[in-house]
Protein backbone atom coordinates (compact mmCIF):
# COMPACT_ATOMS: atom_id res chain seq x y z
CA GLY A 1 -1.76 4.09 -6.28
CA TYR A 2 -3.20 6.33 -3.61
CA TRP A 3 -6.98 6.24 -3.43
CA ASP A 4 -8.74 9.28 -1.97
CA THR A 5 -5.68 10.00 0.19
CA GLN A 6 -5.33 13.54 1.48
CA ILE A 7 -2.60 13.91 4.06
CA SER A 8 -1.49 17.24 5.46
CA ALA A 9 1.49 17.90 7.72
CA THR A 10 -0.73 20.00 9.99
CA THR A 11 -3.82 17.78 10.16
CA GLY A 12 -2.63 14.25 9.39
CA GLY A 13 -5.11 12.13 7.46
CA MET A 14 -5.99 8.65 6.28
CA LEU A 15 -3.59 6.87 3.93
CA THR A 16 -5.37 4.55 1.51
CA LEU A 17 -3.27 2.47 -0.88
CA ILE A 18 -4.64 0.17 -3.56
CA CYS A 19 -2.92 -1.84 -6.25
CA TYR A 20 -3.89 -4.33 -8.91
CA VAL A 21 -1.74 -7.46 -8.87
CA SER A 22 -1.60 -10.06 -11.61
CA ASP A 23 0.48 -13.20 -11.87
CA PRO A 24 1.14 -15.30 -15.00
CA ASP A 25 0.29 -18.40 -12.95
CA GLY A 26 -3.08 -16.95 -11.94
CA PRO A 27 -4.45 -15.09 -8.92
CA ALA A 28 -4.10 -18.12 -6.64
CA ASP A 29 -0.29 -17.80 -6.89
CA ILE A 30 -0.29 -14.29 -5.34
CA LYS A 31 0.98 -14.64 -1.79
CA GLU A 32 1.08 -11.07 -0.43
CA VAL A 33 1.56 -7.36 -1.05
CA GLU A 34 3.71 -5.58 1.55
CA MET A 35 4.19 -1.87 2.21
CA TYR A 36 7.77 -0.60 2.59
CA TYR A 37 8.97 2.70 4.04
CA ASN A 38 12.37 4.02 2.88
CA GLN A 39 13.00 0.63 1.28
CA GLN A 40 12.50 -1.16 4.62
CA LYS A 41 9.79 -3.72 5.35
CA THR A 42 6.98 -2.40 7.55
CA GLY A 43 5.12 -5.62 8.24
CA ALA A 44 1.96 -3.92 6.88
CA PHE A 45 0.24 -5.97 4.21
CA LEU A 46 -2.43 -4.96 1.72
CA LYS A 47 -5.47 -7.26 1.67
CA ASP A 48 -7.72 -8.62 -1.07
CA ASP A 49 -10.58 -9.43 1.28
CA GLY A 50 -12.94 -6.50 0.74
CA THR A 51 -11.72 -4.58 3.82
CA GLN A 52 -9.20 -1.78 4.54
CA GLY A 53 -9.90 0.14 1.35
CA ASP A 54 -9.99 -2.97 -0.82
CA PHE A 55 -12.96 -2.92 -3.19
CA ALA A 56 -14.02 -6.58 -3.17
CA ALA A 57 -12.60 -9.89 -2.02
CA GLY A 58 -10.78 -11.91 -4.67
CA ASP A 59 -10.69 -9.19 -7.37
CA GLN A 60 -6.86 -8.94 -7.43
CA VAL A 61 -7.11 -5.34 -6.18
CA TYR A 62 -5.31 -5.14 -2.84
CA GLY A 63 -5.86 -2.34 -0.33
CA ILE A 64 -4.86 -0.95 3.04
CA GLN A 65 -5.97 2.02 5.12
CA ALA A 66 -3.81 3.54 7.85
CA PRO A 67 -4.23 6.76 9.82
CA ILE A 68 -1.34 9.23 9.62
CA ALA A 69 -1.61 10.83 13.03
CA PRO A 70 -1.14 12.72 15.22
CA PRO A 71 -1.08 16.00 13.29
CA ASN A 72 2.37 17.59 12.93
CA LEU A 73 4.01 14.16 13.22
CA LEU A 74 5.55 14.33 9.75
CA PRO A 75 6.82 17.47 8.04
CA ALA A 76 5.69 18.31 4.50
CA GLY A 77 7.70 16.54 1.80
CA GLN A 78 8.03 13.37 -0.22
CA TYR A 79 8.21 10.02 1.53
CA LEU A 80 9.43 6.81 -0.01
CA LEU A 81 6.44 4.53 0.59
CA GLU A 82 6.51 1.51 -1.69
CA LEU A 83 4.71 -1.73 -2.39
CA VAL A 84 6.12 -5.15 -3.22
CA ALA A 85 4.01 -8.08 -4.41
CA ARG A 86 5.21 -11.66 -3.86
CA ASP A 87 3.95 -14.94 -5.20
CA PHE A 88 4.17 -18.47 -3.85
CA SER A 89 6.86 -19.27 -6.46
CA GLY A 90 9.21 -16.79 -4.72
CA ASN A 91 9.00 -14.02 -7.33
CA GLU A 92 8.80 -10.35 -6.24
CA SER A 93 7.64 -7.25 -8.08
CA ASP A 94 9.63 -4.06 -8.37
CA MET A 95 9.00 -1.44 -5.64
CA TRP A 96 6.73 1.56 -6.37
CA PRO A 97 5.71 4.64 -5.80
CA TYR A 98 6.32 7.78 -3.64
CA LEU A 99 3.95 9.50 -1.18
CA THR A 100 3.86 13.31 -1.06
CA ILE A 101 2.61 15.13 2.06
CA ASN A 102 1.64 18.74 1.43
């Protein structure tokens, strides 16, 4: 979900995404969590290393922080910003959720 994210069309803001990822084969099988925009890969990956909004390294909570700037770059509305988790076995999660800019 979105953690302490407040983005305005007129002022921009800091996007912080976090997600908990579990794998039946254990946390060592989790390869990556990627952010998508409009169902397209962005090349931006959430980390589980205690940085970028992540709480602590190795806790299976992945995070990323990204500035949404400059102000007035994006109009108010809903944006399809999704996450996909992948494991080393080649499995992928479903995409989720939406971002709303007020």
